[in-house]
Protein backbone atom coordinates (compact mmCIF):
# COMPACT_ATOMS: atom_id res chain seq x y z
CA LEU A 1 288.52 120.84 90.10
CA GLY A 2 292.03 119.49 90.42
CA GLY A 3 294.38 120.49 93.26
CA SER A 4 296.29 123.09 91.25
CA GLN A 5 293.05 124.64 89.96
CA VAL A 6 291.69 124.91 93.50
CA GLN A 7 294.91 126.63 94.60
CA ASN A 8 294.68 129.09 91.72
CA LEU A 9 291.07 129.83 92.59
CA LEU A 10 292.00 130.44 96.24
CA LYS A 11 294.76 132.81 95.09
CA ILE A 12 292.25 134.79 92.99
CA ILE A 13 289.87 134.99 95.97
CA ASP A 14 292.69 136.11 98.30
CA ASP A 15 293.75 138.83 95.86
CA PHE A 16 290.15 140.05 95.62
CA ILE A 17 289.67 140.16 99.40
CA ASN A 18 293.16 141.57 100.06
CA PRO A 19 293.97 143.88 97.13
CA PRO A 20 297.62 144.89 96.73
CA LEU A 21 298.72 147.76 98.93
CA THR A 22 301.25 150.37 97.89
CA VAL A 23 301.35 152.12 101.27
CA SER A 24 301.52 150.30 104.59
CA PRO A 25 298.45 150.72 106.82
CA TYR A 26 300.69 151.02 109.90
CA ASN A 27 302.20 154.07 111.55
CA LEU A 28 305.87 153.64 112.39
CA SER A 29 307.75 154.35 115.60
CA THR A 30 311.54 154.29 115.54
CA LEU A 31 313.35 153.55 118.80
CA ILE A 32 317.11 153.93 119.17
CA ILE A 33 318.83 152.36 122.17
CA ASP A 34 322.56 152.34 122.90
CA ARG A 35 324.26 150.55 125.77
CA HIS A 36 327.13 152.26 127.53
CA PRO A 37 328.83 149.77 129.85
CA PRO A 38 328.69 148.96 132.59
CA ALA A 39 325.04 149.86 133.20
CA GLU A 40 323.78 152.84 131.15
CA TYR A 41 321.15 152.60 128.41
CA ARG A 42 320.38 155.69 126.32
CA THR A 43 317.07 155.72 124.52
CA SER A 44 315.57 158.08 121.97
CA TRP A 45 312.49 157.49 119.86
CA PHE A 46 310.34 159.29 117.38
CA SER A 47 307.45 158.95 114.97
CA PRO A 48 306.20 161.14 112.11
CA GLN A 49 303.46 162.64 114.27
CA GLN A 50 305.50 163.18 117.46
CA ALA A 51 308.52 165.11 118.58
CA VAL A 52 311.87 163.35 118.90
CA ILE A 53 312.71 162.36 122.45
CA ILE A 54 316.47 162.46 122.85
CA ASP A 55 318.70 160.43 125.15
CA GLU A 56 316.53 159.42 128.04
CA ILE A 57 318.90 157.50 130.29
CA VAL A 58 318.20 154.48 132.47
CA ASN A 59 320.70 152.40 134.43
CA THR A 60 320.55 148.69 135.11
CA ARG A 61 322.91 145.76 135.62
CA LEU A 62 320.17 143.35 134.61
CA PHE A 63 321.17 140.87 131.90
CA TYR A 64 319.66 137.52 130.94
CA THR A 65 321.39 134.93 128.79
CA LEU A 66 319.61 133.64 125.69
CA GLU A 67 319.03 130.34 127.49
CA GLU A 68 317.27 132.18 130.32
CA TRP A 69 315.11 134.00 127.77
CA ARG A 70 314.13 130.67 126.21
CA VAL A 71 313.24 129.03 129.53
CA ASP A 72 311.02 131.86 130.83
CA PRO A 73 310.55 134.50 128.11
CA LYS A 74 307.56 136.23 129.71
CA LYS A 75 309.23 136.83 133.07
CA CYS A 76 312.46 138.01 131.40
CA GLY A 77 310.52 140.11 128.90
CA GLN A 78 308.39 141.95 131.47
CA THR A 79 311.38 142.71 133.67
CA ALA A 80 313.54 143.83 130.72
CA PHE A 81 310.75 146.07 129.37
CA ARG A 82 310.69 147.97 132.66
CA SER A 83 314.45 147.93 133.15
CA TYR A 84 315.82 148.90 129.73
CA LEU A 85 313.22 151.46 128.64
CA PRO A 86 312.21 154.84 130.14
CA THR A 87 308.64 155.34 131.33
CA SER A 88 307.77 157.54 128.32
CA ALA A 89 308.49 154.57 126.04
CA HIS A 90 306.37 152.31 128.28
CA SER A 91 303.39 154.61 127.81
CA HIS A 92 303.90 154.94 124.06
CA PHE A 93 304.00 151.18 123.48
CA ARG A 94 301.01 150.45 125.69
CA GLN A 95 298.87 153.17 124.10
CA ASN A 96 299.86 152.52 120.47
CA ARG A 97 299.77 148.77 119.98
CA ASN A 98 298.70 149.22 116.36
CA TRP A 99 301.98 151.02 115.53
CA ALA A 100 304.84 149.18 113.89
CA LEU A 101 308.25 149.40 115.56
CA GLN A 102 311.70 149.70 114.04
CA TRP A 103 314.39 149.05 116.61
CA ILE A 104 317.84 150.57 116.04
CA THR A 105 320.49 149.27 118.43
CA ASP A 106 324.19 148.55 118.75
CA TRP A 107 323.63 145.74 121.26
CA ALA A 108 322.97 142.33 119.70
CA ASP A 109 322.99 140.14 122.82
CA ILE A 110 319.54 141.22 124.01
CA PRO A 111 316.46 139.77 122.22
CA TRP A 112 314.60 143.09 122.04
CA GLU A 113 311.71 141.43 120.21
CA LEU A 114 310.90 139.56 123.43
CA LEU A 115 310.33 142.61 125.62
CA HIS A 116 306.84 142.24 127.12
CA ASP A 117 304.64 145.29 127.81
CA GLY A 118 302.35 143.46 130.25
CA ASN A 119 299.91 142.57 127.49
CA ASP A 120 302.14 140.56 125.17
CA PHE A 121 305.61 140.36 123.67
CA LEU A 122 306.35 143.39 121.48
CA CYS A 123 306.96 141.18 118.43
CA LEU A 124 303.52 139.58 118.84
CA ASN A 125 301.38 142.66 119.35
CA ARG A 126 302.80 144.79 116.53
CA PRO A 127 304.89 144.53 113.33
CA MET A 128 308.52 144.84 114.40
CA ALA A 129 312.01 144.76 112.88
CA ARG A 130 315.59 145.65 113.72
CA LYS A 131 317.77 148.09 111.85
CA PRO A 132 321.34 147.40 112.95
CA LYS A 133 324.07 150.01 112.98
CA LEU A 134 326.35 149.08 110.09
CA THR A 135 330.09 149.46 109.54
CA ARG A 136 329.66 150.52 105.91
CA VAL A 137 327.05 151.89 103.51
CA PRO A 138 325.09 148.96 102.00
CA GLN A 139 325.22 148.27 98.28
CA GLU A 140 322.41 149.74 96.21
CA PHE A 141 320.76 148.17 93.17
CA SER A 142 318.43 149.50 90.51
CA PRO A 143 314.75 148.64 91.08
CA ARG A 144 313.38 145.63 89.25
CA PRO A 145 311.47 146.72 86.09
CA PRO A 146 307.72 146.43 86.85
CA ASP A 147 307.10 144.20 83.83
CA GLN A 148 309.81 141.71 84.84
CA PRO A 149 308.55 138.50 86.51
CA LEU A 150 309.45 137.93 90.15
CA SER A 151 312.20 135.38 90.66
CA ALA A 152 313.30 133.30 93.64
CA LEU A 153 316.15 131.00 94.60
CA VAL A 154 315.11 128.23 97.01
CA VAL A 155 317.74 125.96 98.56
CA GLY A 156 317.01 123.04 100.87
CA ASP A 157 319.19 120.50 102.70
CA PRO A 158 322.52 121.54 101.11
CA THR A 159 324.56 119.31 103.44
CA GLY A 160 322.40 116.21 103.19
CA GLY A 161 320.53 114.44 105.97
CA LEU A 162 317.91 117.18 106.59
CA ALA A 163 314.68 115.71 105.28
CA GLY A 164 312.65 118.48 106.92
CA ALA A 165 314.65 121.20 105.16
CA ALA A 166 314.24 119.43 101.82
CA ASN A 167 310.48 119.20 102.32
CA GLU A 168 310.35 122.87 103.35
CA ALA A 169 312.09 123.89 100.12
CA ARG A 170 309.55 121.95 98.06
CA GLN A 171 306.64 123.60 99.87
CA VAL A 172 308.12 127.08 99.44
CA LYS A 173 308.72 126.41 95.73
CA GLU A 174 305.11 125.30 95.18
CA LEU A 175 303.70 128.28 97.05
CA LEU A 176 305.82 130.81 95.14
CA GLU A 177 305.10 129.22 91.76
CA ARG A 178 301.37 129.52 92.43
CA SER A 179 302.00 133.27 92.73
CA ASN A 180 303.81 133.33 89.38
CA PHE A 181 307.37 133.45 90.68
CA ARG A 182 310.06 131.97 88.50
CA VAL A 183 311.70 129.62 90.99
CA THR A 184 315.14 128.05 90.86
CA CYS A 185 314.90 125.24 93.42
CA LEU A 186 317.95 123.21 94.43
CA ILE A 187 317.61 120.43 97.00
CA GLY A 188 320.36 118.26 98.45
CA PRO A 189 324.15 118.34 98.11
CA ASP A 190 324.01 116.79 94.64
CA GLU A 191 322.11 119.84 93.34
CA VAL A 192 323.68 122.71 95.28
CA SER A 193 327.13 123.54 96.60
CA ALA A 194 328.57 126.67 98.17
CA GLN A 195 330.20 127.49 94.83
CA LYS A 196 326.99 127.03 92.85
CA PHE A 197 324.97 129.04 95.38
CA ALA A 198 327.49 131.90 95.28
CA THR A 199 327.59 131.86 91.48
CA LEU A 200 323.80 132.10 91.28
CA ILE A 201 323.38 135.01 93.69
CA ALA A 202 326.30 136.84 92.08
CA ASN A 203 324.90 136.59 88.54
CA GLN A 204 321.11 136.45 88.78
CA PRO A 205 319.05 139.33 90.23
CA PHE A 206 316.70 137.32 92.46
CA ASP A 207 313.87 139.06 94.30
CA LEU A 208 313.81 136.40 97.01
CA ILE A 209 316.38 133.94 98.38
CA HIS A 210 315.32 131.14 100.72
CA TYR A 211 317.84 128.87 102.43
CA ALA A 212 316.81 125.91 104.62
CA GLY A 213 319.82 124.21 106.14
CA HIS A 214 322.57 124.61 108.72
CA ALA A 215 324.33 127.79 109.83
CA GLN A 216 327.22 128.40 112.21
CA MET A 217 327.81 131.51 114.33
CA HIS A 218 331.50 132.37 114.89
CA GLN A 219 331.60 134.24 118.20
CA GLN A 220 335.20 135.44 117.96
CA LYS A 221 335.06 136.46 114.28
CA PRO A 222 331.39 137.10 113.37
CA ARG A 223 332.24 137.85 109.75
CA LEU A 224 333.33 134.19 109.46
CA SER A 225 329.91 132.98 110.55
CA ASN A 226 328.56 130.92 107.68
CA LEU A 227 325.93 128.90 105.89
CA ARG A 228 326.88 125.23 105.57
CA PHE A 229 327.20 123.28 102.33
CA LYS A 230 328.67 119.83 101.80
CA ASP A 231 331.65 121.28 99.92
CA GLY A 232 332.33 123.91 102.61
CA PRO A 233 330.99 127.15 104.11
CA LEU A 234 329.73 130.36 102.56
CA PHE A 235 331.06 133.03 104.93
CA ALA A 236 328.94 135.93 106.15
CA GLU A 237 331.30 138.52 104.69
CA GLU A 238 330.89 137.05 101.20
CA TRP A 239 327.31 138.36 101.02
CA GLU A 240 328.74 141.90 101.08
CA ARG A 241 330.67 141.31 97.86
CA ILE A 242 328.65 138.89 95.74
CA LEU A 243 324.96 139.70 96.16
CA SER A 244 323.70 141.13 92.85
CA SER A 245 320.19 142.35 93.72
CA ALA A 246 318.10 143.78 96.53
CA ALA A 247 316.62 140.38 97.34
CA PHE A 248 314.77 139.63 100.53
CA ILE A 249 316.66 136.80 102.24
CA PHE A 250 315.09 134.17 104.49
CA LEU A 251 317.73 132.05 106.23
CA ASN A 252 315.82 129.25 107.94
CA ALA A 253 318.93 127.97 109.70
CA CYS A 254 319.59 127.76 113.42
CA GLU A 255 321.43 130.81 114.84
CA ALA A 256 321.62 132.57 111.45
CA GLY A 257 319.82 135.55 113.00
CA LYS A 258 322.34 136.04 115.79
CA GLY A 259 324.67 139.03 115.75
CA LYS A 260 327.73 140.04 117.72
CA SER A 261 328.41 143.56 118.97
CA ARG A 262 331.98 144.72 118.47
CA THR A 263 333.93 147.89 119.25
CA PHE A 264 335.84 149.48 116.37
CA PRO A 265 338.79 151.86 116.78
CA GLY A 266 337.79 155.51 116.49
CA PHE A 267 334.07 154.75 116.74
CA ARG A 268 331.97 155.61 119.76
CA GLY A 269 329.79 152.70 120.75
CA LYS A 270 329.48 149.32 119.05
CA LEU A 271 328.49 147.94 115.67
CA VAL A 272 326.85 144.62 114.96
CA GLU A 273 328.16 141.80 112.76
CA GLY A 274 326.74 138.43 111.66
CA ILE A 275 325.29 136.54 108.69
CA ALA A 276 322.08 138.57 108.45
CA ILE A 277 324.01 141.82 108.93
CA SER A 278 326.35 140.98 106.06
CA ALA A 279 323.34 140.27 103.84
CA LEU A 280 322.08 143.80 104.56
CA LEU A 281 325.50 145.25 103.73
CA GLY A 282 325.33 143.34 100.45
CA GLY A 283 322.18 145.27 99.57
CA ALA A 284 319.44 142.85 100.65
CA ALA A 285 315.96 144.33 101.11
CA GLY A 286 315.81 142.58 104.48
CA CYS A 287 316.66 139.34 106.21
CA LEU A 288 314.68 136.97 108.42
CA ALA A 289 316.47 134.31 110.48
CA PRO A 290 316.22 132.55 113.88
CA MET A 291 318.35 133.27 116.95
CA TRP A 292 318.42 129.69 118.19
CA GLU A 293 317.62 126.09 117.25
CA VAL A 294 314.14 125.53 115.78
CA PRO A 295 312.42 122.18 115.00
CA ASP A 296 312.26 121.38 111.29
CA ASP A 297 308.50 120.95 111.12
CA LEU A 298 307.70 124.22 112.89
CA ALA A 299 310.40 126.08 110.95
CA ALA A 300 308.72 124.96 107.71
CA GLU A 301 305.26 125.90 108.97
CA PHE A 302 306.52 129.33 110.03
CA ALA A 303 308.10 129.88 106.61
CA ILE A 304 304.98 128.87 104.68
CA GLU A 305 302.75 131.14 106.75
CA PHE A 306 305.22 134.02 106.39
CA TYR A 307 305.20 133.70 102.59
CA ARG A 308 301.44 133.24 102.49
CA GLN A 309 301.00 136.53 104.36
CA LEU A 310 303.66 138.25 102.24
CA LEU A 311 301.90 137.16 99.05
CA LEU A 312 298.68 138.63 100.43
CA HIS A 313 300.55 141.96 100.26
CA LYS A 314 301.17 142.25 104.01
CA PRO A 315 304.14 144.36 105.19
CA LEU A 316 307.23 142.42 106.25
CA GLY A 317 306.70 143.01 109.96
CA GLU A 318 303.06 141.95 109.86
CA ALA A 319 303.81 138.83 107.80
CA THR A 320 306.42 137.86 110.41
CA ARG A 321 304.00 138.53 113.27
CA GLN A 322 301.28 136.40 111.72
CA ALA A 323 303.75 133.55 111.18
CA ARG A 324 304.71 133.74 114.87
CA LEU A 325 301.06 133.67 115.92
CA LYS A 326 300.48 130.60 113.73
CA ILE A 327 302.77 128.44 115.89
CA ARG A 328 302.88 130.20 119.28
CA SER A 329 300.33 127.93 121.01
CA ARG A 330 302.45 124.84 120.25
CA ALA A 331 305.97 126.18 120.79
CA LEU A 332 306.33 129.70 122.18
CA ASP A 333 310.14 129.64 122.28
CA THR A 334 310.16 128.67 118.58
CA ALA A 335 307.65 131.39 117.65
CA LEU A 336 309.85 133.96 119.37
CA SER A 337 313.13 132.84 117.84
CA TRP A 338 313.12 134.70 114.51
CA ILE A 339 314.59 138.18 114.03
CA LEU A 340 313.48 140.38 111.16
CA TYR A 341 316.13 142.82 109.94
CA GLY A 342 314.83 145.59 107.72
CA ASP A 343 311.77 147.82 107.45
CA PRO A 344 308.69 146.41 109.25
CA ILE A 345 306.22 148.34 107.09
CA LYS A 346 307.83 147.58 103.72
CA ILE A 347 305.54 145.78 101.25
CA LEU A 348 307.66 143.60 99.00
CA PHE A 349 305.20 142.11 96.50
């Protein structure tokens, strides 16, 4: 058998062993946590089988910078788990490790995924995702007709000089095409510009958009955070206006997952802004992106494993968890860097 035939055979075997699911096998807990400066954290959480617990309050001045989290994530995570969460939440997480977690928060500067329950980081021992509080109602799109082929846009190295990102795009393209996606793949600044990228996502209803390149977080004006192209930036806020389908968006670009909490006049509390947040406002089905710098080779390996799990019909949160586990033994800080925004038990394909 040739290489492509072997891959097709493996896909048939995978589909037989892991038949498509229409309902996630995971129960879901939803935890809501709001920070009220200078030191108050209000937590409520609920699940379909349990009563809502409203506004349990803890107080702490504890705060670690992202650099401190990267240097010693376990020590920061164990302390933060005990400091930010009430004891009822401690018990729930420790007793229900097979439950997925959706985290709703207005505070973007804390890597909630890295809280550690004494057994492991929350994002490694369960499917997990964030649902940010948004300034506006997201766009809504009609569902893709079931007989319409899946389509993907894959972009790599749009500024030039990122051989790893170009190679990642090629690998993602090959993997998706083996699963019968129609893939538009653009690699290098000669093939893709900010204008061409925007035109494509505004006029073609992709099911999946993958970007491997550079991103820039604008701390003072988060809506001006952007993806980088050789001809200029694509600003975060542009996603809100030009996205034309409920695509899942994977931004494999350093700091693309970061958000900034801001206070708005007349609104109690804070709302979160950033590139991934704007994608959600544009109607995206979810967004996956790293908080900090990640090596090209591990970023590509993470992406391939994520898609492999997704194409085995795993929920978004579980596909992300398995991709983290794939690389954790070689680079823990890299495995912990990605943030999944969306529904952790949603099955995309």
